[in-house]
Amino acid sequence: MKRVIAVTDWQPNVGGTASDAFYRAYRTRYPAASDDYLVLRMALMIEMLTSAMTRARSADPLTVARTLKGIKFDAEAFHPMTMRAEDHQVI
C-alpha cells in the first residue's frame, strides 16, 4: 500500500470557519491545480510584517525588527501568535 505523508502546520481539510474562508479566497484567486500548494504560514508572515510596518510607521528594516520584538498578532482567527523578543521566534 502506498501512502502520502506530509508534515505541515496547516492544510485545507483542517476545516473551521476561518480555515474554509481562507482556502476559498485562495482558490478563487488561484484556481489552477498547478497552484495547489498553499502554505498558510507564508500569508501570515506577510500579514505580521505589514502589521509591524504599520505600527512602526516605517519600512526601515531596523525599526520594523524592533517593532516585531514581542509583537502579538491575531492570525486571521486561526490562533494568536507572539514573536518572542529574545530570538524573533513565532510562538
N, C-alpha and C. Protein backbone atom coordinates (compact mmCIF):
# COMPACT_ATOMS: atom_id res chain seq x y z
N MET A 1 0.84 -1.17 0.00
CA MET A 1 0.00 0.00 0.00
C MET A 1 0.90 1.25 0.00
N LYS A 2 0.58 2.21 -0.87
CA LYS A 2 1.33 3.46 -0.92
C LYS A 2 0.58 4.52 -0.15
N ARG A 3 1.32 5.35 0.53
CA ARG A 3 0.72 6.43 1.30
C ARG A 3 1.47 7.72 1.03
N VAL A 4 0.75 8.80 1.13
CA VAL A 4 1.38 10.11 1.03
C VAL A 4 1.42 10.67 2.44
N ILE A 5 2.61 11.07 2.85
CA ILE A 5 2.77 11.64 4.19
C ILE A 5 3.31 13.06 4.02
N ALA A 6 2.69 13.99 4.71
CA ALA A 6 3.15 15.38 4.64
C ALA A 6 3.19 15.94 6.06
N VAL A 7 4.25 16.65 6.35
CA VAL A 7 4.34 17.34 7.63
C VAL A 7 4.05 18.80 7.34
N THR A 8 3.02 19.32 7.94
CA THR A 8 2.60 20.67 7.65
C THR A 8 1.98 21.30 8.89
N ASP A 9 1.98 22.63 8.93
CA ASP A 9 1.37 23.31 10.08
C ASP A 9 -0.10 23.64 9.81
N TRP A 10 -0.55 23.45 8.58
CA TRP A 10 -1.94 23.69 8.21
C TRP A 10 -2.21 23.04 6.86
N GLN A 11 -3.42 22.61 6.64
CA GLN A 11 -3.84 22.13 5.34
C GLN A 11 -5.33 22.40 5.19
N PRO A 12 -5.82 22.50 3.96
CA PRO A 12 -7.20 22.91 3.74
C PRO A 12 -8.26 22.03 4.39
N ASN A 13 -8.00 20.76 4.58
CA ASN A 13 -9.03 19.89 5.15
C ASN A 13 -9.10 19.97 6.67
N VAL A 14 -8.40 20.93 7.27
CA VAL A 14 -8.49 21.16 8.72
C VAL A 14 -9.92 21.55 9.09
N GLY A 15 -10.54 22.36 8.24
CA GLY A 15 -11.91 22.78 8.48
C GLY A 15 -12.01 23.94 9.44
N GLY A 16 -13.20 24.41 9.65
CA GLY A 16 -13.45 25.56 10.52
C GLY A 16 -13.74 26.79 9.67
N THR A 17 -14.44 27.74 10.25
CA THR A 17 -14.88 28.92 9.53
C THR A 17 -13.73 29.70 8.91
N ALA A 18 -12.73 30.05 9.71
CA ALA A 18 -11.60 30.84 9.22
C ALA A 18 -10.80 30.06 8.19
N SER A 19 -10.56 28.80 8.44
CA SER A 19 -9.79 27.97 7.52
C SER A 19 -10.50 27.82 6.18
N ASP A 20 -11.78 27.55 6.23
CA ASP A 20 -12.56 27.39 4.99
C ASP A 20 -12.60 28.69 4.19
N ALA A 21 -12.79 29.82 4.85
CA ALA A 21 -12.83 31.11 4.17
C ALA A 21 -11.48 31.44 3.54
N PHE A 22 -10.40 31.17 4.26
CA PHE A 22 -9.05 31.41 3.75
C PHE A 22 -8.81 30.58 2.50
N TYR A 23 -9.19 29.30 2.54
CA TYR A 23 -8.97 28.41 1.40
C TYR A 23 -9.84 28.81 0.21
N ARG A 24 -11.09 29.16 0.46
CA ARG A 24 -11.97 29.59 -0.64
C ARG A 24 -11.40 30.83 -1.34
N ALA A 25 -10.93 31.80 -0.55
CA ALA A 25 -10.35 33.02 -1.13
C ALA A 25 -9.12 32.68 -1.97
N TYR A 26 -8.30 31.77 -1.49
CA TYR A 26 -7.11 31.36 -2.25
C TYR A 26 -7.51 30.69 -3.55
N ARG A 27 -8.44 29.74 -3.49
CA ARG A 27 -8.85 29.01 -4.71
C ARG A 27 -9.51 29.95 -5.71
N THR A 28 -10.21 30.97 -5.23
CA THR A 28 -10.83 31.95 -6.13
C THR A 28 -9.74 32.71 -6.88
N ARG A 29 -8.71 33.10 -6.17
CA ARG A 29 -7.63 33.86 -6.80
C ARG A 29 -6.71 32.96 -7.64
N TYR A 30 -6.48 31.74 -7.18
CA TYR A 30 -5.56 30.80 -7.85
C TYR A 30 -6.28 29.47 -8.10
N PRO A 31 -7.10 29.40 -9.16
CA PRO A 31 -7.90 28.19 -9.38
C PRO A 31 -7.14 27.03 -10.03
N ALA A 32 -5.97 27.26 -10.60
CA ALA A 32 -5.27 26.19 -11.32
C ALA A 32 -4.71 25.14 -10.37
N ALA A 33 -4.78 23.90 -10.79
CA ALA A 33 -4.24 22.81 -9.98
C ALA A 33 -2.74 22.97 -9.75
N SER A 34 -2.05 23.61 -10.68
CA SER A 34 -0.60 23.81 -10.52
C SER A 34 -0.26 24.77 -9.37
N ASP A 35 -1.25 25.51 -8.89
CA ASP A 35 -1.06 26.43 -7.76
C ASP A 35 -1.55 25.80 -6.45
N ASP A 36 -1.57 24.49 -6.39
CA ASP A 36 -2.20 23.80 -5.27
C ASP A 36 -1.27 23.53 -4.09
N TYR A 37 -0.35 24.44 -3.83
CA TYR A 37 0.48 24.28 -2.64
C TYR A 37 0.39 25.55 -1.82
N LEU A 38 -0.66 25.63 -1.07
CA LEU A 38 -0.94 26.79 -0.23
C LEU A 38 -0.28 26.60 1.13
N VAL A 39 0.53 27.56 1.54
CA VAL A 39 1.22 27.48 2.82
C VAL A 39 0.74 28.65 3.68
N LEU A 40 -0.11 28.37 4.64
CA LEU A 40 -0.70 29.40 5.48
C LEU A 40 0.37 30.27 6.14
N ARG A 41 1.45 29.66 6.58
CA ARG A 41 2.48 30.40 7.31
C ARG A 41 3.05 31.55 6.47
N MET A 42 3.13 31.37 5.16
CA MET A 42 3.66 32.44 4.30
C MET A 42 2.72 33.65 4.30
N ALA A 43 1.44 33.41 4.19
CA ALA A 43 0.47 34.50 4.22
C ALA A 43 0.49 35.21 5.58
N LEU A 44 0.58 34.43 6.65
CA LEU A 44 0.61 35.03 7.99
C LEU A 44 1.90 35.82 8.23
N MET A 45 3.01 35.36 7.66
CA MET A 45 4.27 36.07 7.79
C MET A 45 4.15 37.47 7.17
N ILE A 46 3.55 37.56 5.99
CA ILE A 46 3.39 38.85 5.33
C ILE A 46 2.42 39.74 6.12
N GLU A 47 1.35 39.17 6.64
CA GLU A 47 0.42 39.96 7.44
C GLU A 47 1.08 40.49 8.71
N MET A 48 1.90 39.66 9.36
CA MET A 48 2.59 40.11 10.58
C MET A 48 3.59 41.21 10.24
N LEU A 49 4.29 41.07 9.12
CA LEU A 49 5.24 42.08 8.70
C LEU A 49 4.54 43.41 8.40
N THR A 50 3.43 43.37 7.65
CA THR A 50 2.72 44.61 7.35
C THR A 50 2.13 45.24 8.60
N SER A 51 1.69 44.41 9.54
CA SER A 51 1.20 44.93 10.81
C SER A 51 2.31 45.67 11.56
N ALA A 52 3.50 45.07 11.59
CA ALA A 52 4.64 45.71 12.26
C ALA A 52 5.04 47.01 11.56
N MET A 53 5.01 47.02 10.23
CA MET A 53 5.35 48.23 9.49
C MET A 53 4.33 49.34 9.75
N THR A 54 3.07 48.95 9.85
CA THR A 54 2.02 49.93 10.15
C THR A 54 2.21 50.49 11.54
N ARG A 55 2.46 49.62 12.51
CA ARG A 55 2.69 50.08 13.89
C ARG A 55 3.93 50.96 13.99
N ALA A 56 4.96 50.61 13.24
CA ALA A 56 6.22 51.36 13.29
C ALA A 56 6.13 52.65 12.46
N ARG A 57 5.12 52.70 11.59
CA ARG A 57 5.00 53.82 10.64
C ARG A 57 6.29 54.00 9.84
N SER A 58 6.86 52.86 9.47
CA SER A 58 8.14 52.86 8.78
C SER A 58 8.35 51.54 8.07
N ALA A 59 9.16 51.57 7.01
CA ALA A 59 9.60 50.35 6.34
C ALA A 59 11.08 50.12 6.58
N ASP A 60 11.68 50.93 7.44
CA ASP A 60 13.10 50.78 7.77
C ASP A 60 13.30 49.43 8.46
N PRO A 61 14.19 48.58 7.94
CA PRO A 61 14.36 47.23 8.49
C PRO A 61 14.65 47.19 10.00
N LEU A 62 15.51 48.04 10.50
CA LEU A 62 15.84 48.02 11.92
C LEU A 62 14.65 48.45 12.77
N THR A 63 13.95 49.48 12.32
CA THR A 63 12.76 49.95 13.04
C THR A 63 11.69 48.87 13.07
N VAL A 64 11.47 48.21 11.93
CA VAL A 64 10.46 47.15 11.87
C VAL A 64 10.89 45.96 12.73
N ALA A 65 12.16 45.58 12.69
CA ALA A 65 12.65 44.47 13.52
C ALA A 65 12.42 44.75 14.99
N ARG A 66 12.67 45.98 15.41
CA ARG A 66 12.44 46.34 16.82
C ARG A 66 10.95 46.29 17.16
N THR A 67 10.12 46.69 16.22
CA THR A 67 8.67 46.64 16.44
C THR A 67 8.17 45.20 16.53
N LEU A 68 8.80 44.30 15.81
CA LEU A 68 8.41 42.89 15.84
C LEU A 68 8.71 42.21 17.17
N LYS A 69 9.66 42.73 17.93
CA LYS A 69 10.02 42.11 19.21
C LYS A 69 8.82 42.12 20.15
N GLY A 70 8.34 40.93 20.47
CA GLY A 70 7.23 40.80 21.41
C GLY A 70 5.87 41.12 20.83
N ILE A 71 5.79 41.34 19.51
CA ILE A 71 4.51 41.71 18.90
C ILE A 71 3.51 40.56 19.05
N LYS A 72 2.29 40.91 19.32
CA LYS A 72 1.20 39.94 19.38
C LYS A 72 0.36 40.15 18.14
N PHE A 73 -0.06 39.05 17.51
CA PHE A 73 -0.75 39.13 16.24
C PHE A 73 -1.85 38.08 16.21
N ASP A 74 -3.06 38.51 15.89
CA ASP A 74 -4.17 37.57 15.75
C ASP A 74 -4.17 37.07 14.32
N ALA A 75 -3.81 35.84 14.14
CA ALA A 75 -3.60 35.26 12.81
C ALA A 75 -4.92 34.91 12.13
N GLU A 76 -5.64 35.91 11.66
CA GLU A 76 -6.89 35.71 10.92
C GLU A 76 -7.83 34.73 11.61
N ALA A 77 -7.94 34.81 12.87
CA ALA A 77 -8.84 33.95 13.65
C ALA A 77 -8.40 32.49 13.70
N PHE A 78 -7.21 32.17 13.18
CA PHE A 78 -6.71 30.80 13.30
C PHE A 78 -6.19 30.58 14.71
N HIS A 79 -5.30 31.43 15.15
CA HIS A 79 -4.76 31.37 16.50
C HIS A 79 -3.92 32.62 16.73
N PRO A 80 -3.85 33.08 17.98
CA PRO A 80 -2.99 34.24 18.26
C PRO A 80 -1.52 33.83 18.21
N MET A 81 -0.67 34.76 17.79
CA MET A 81 0.76 34.50 17.71
C MET A 81 1.50 35.61 18.43
N THR A 82 2.64 35.26 18.98
CA THR A 82 3.54 36.23 19.60
C THR A 82 4.94 35.98 19.07
N MET A 83 5.65 37.05 18.74
CA MET A 83 7.04 36.90 18.33
C MET A 83 7.91 37.13 19.55
N ARG A 84 8.62 36.09 19.97
CA ARG A 84 9.49 36.21 21.14
C ARG A 84 10.53 37.31 20.92
N ALA A 85 10.66 38.18 21.89
CA ALA A 85 11.57 39.31 21.76
C ALA A 85 13.03 38.87 21.69
N GLU A 86 13.40 37.83 22.45
CA GLU A 86 14.82 37.47 22.54
C GLU A 86 15.38 36.82 21.30
N ASP A 87 14.54 36.16 20.47
CA ASP A 87 15.08 35.48 19.30
C ASP A 87 14.21 35.55 18.05
N HIS A 88 13.15 36.34 18.11
CA HIS A 88 12.24 36.54 16.97
C HIS A 88 11.60 35.25 16.48
N GLN A 89 11.40 34.27 17.37
CA GLN A 89 10.68 33.05 17.01
C GLN A 89 9.20 33.27 17.25
N VAL A 90 8.36 32.84 16.33
CA VAL A 90 6.92 33.00 16.47
C VAL A 90 6.37 31.82 17.26
N ILE A 91 5.63 32.14 18.28
CA ILE A 91 5.01 31.14 19.14
C ILE A 91 3.49 31.26 18.99
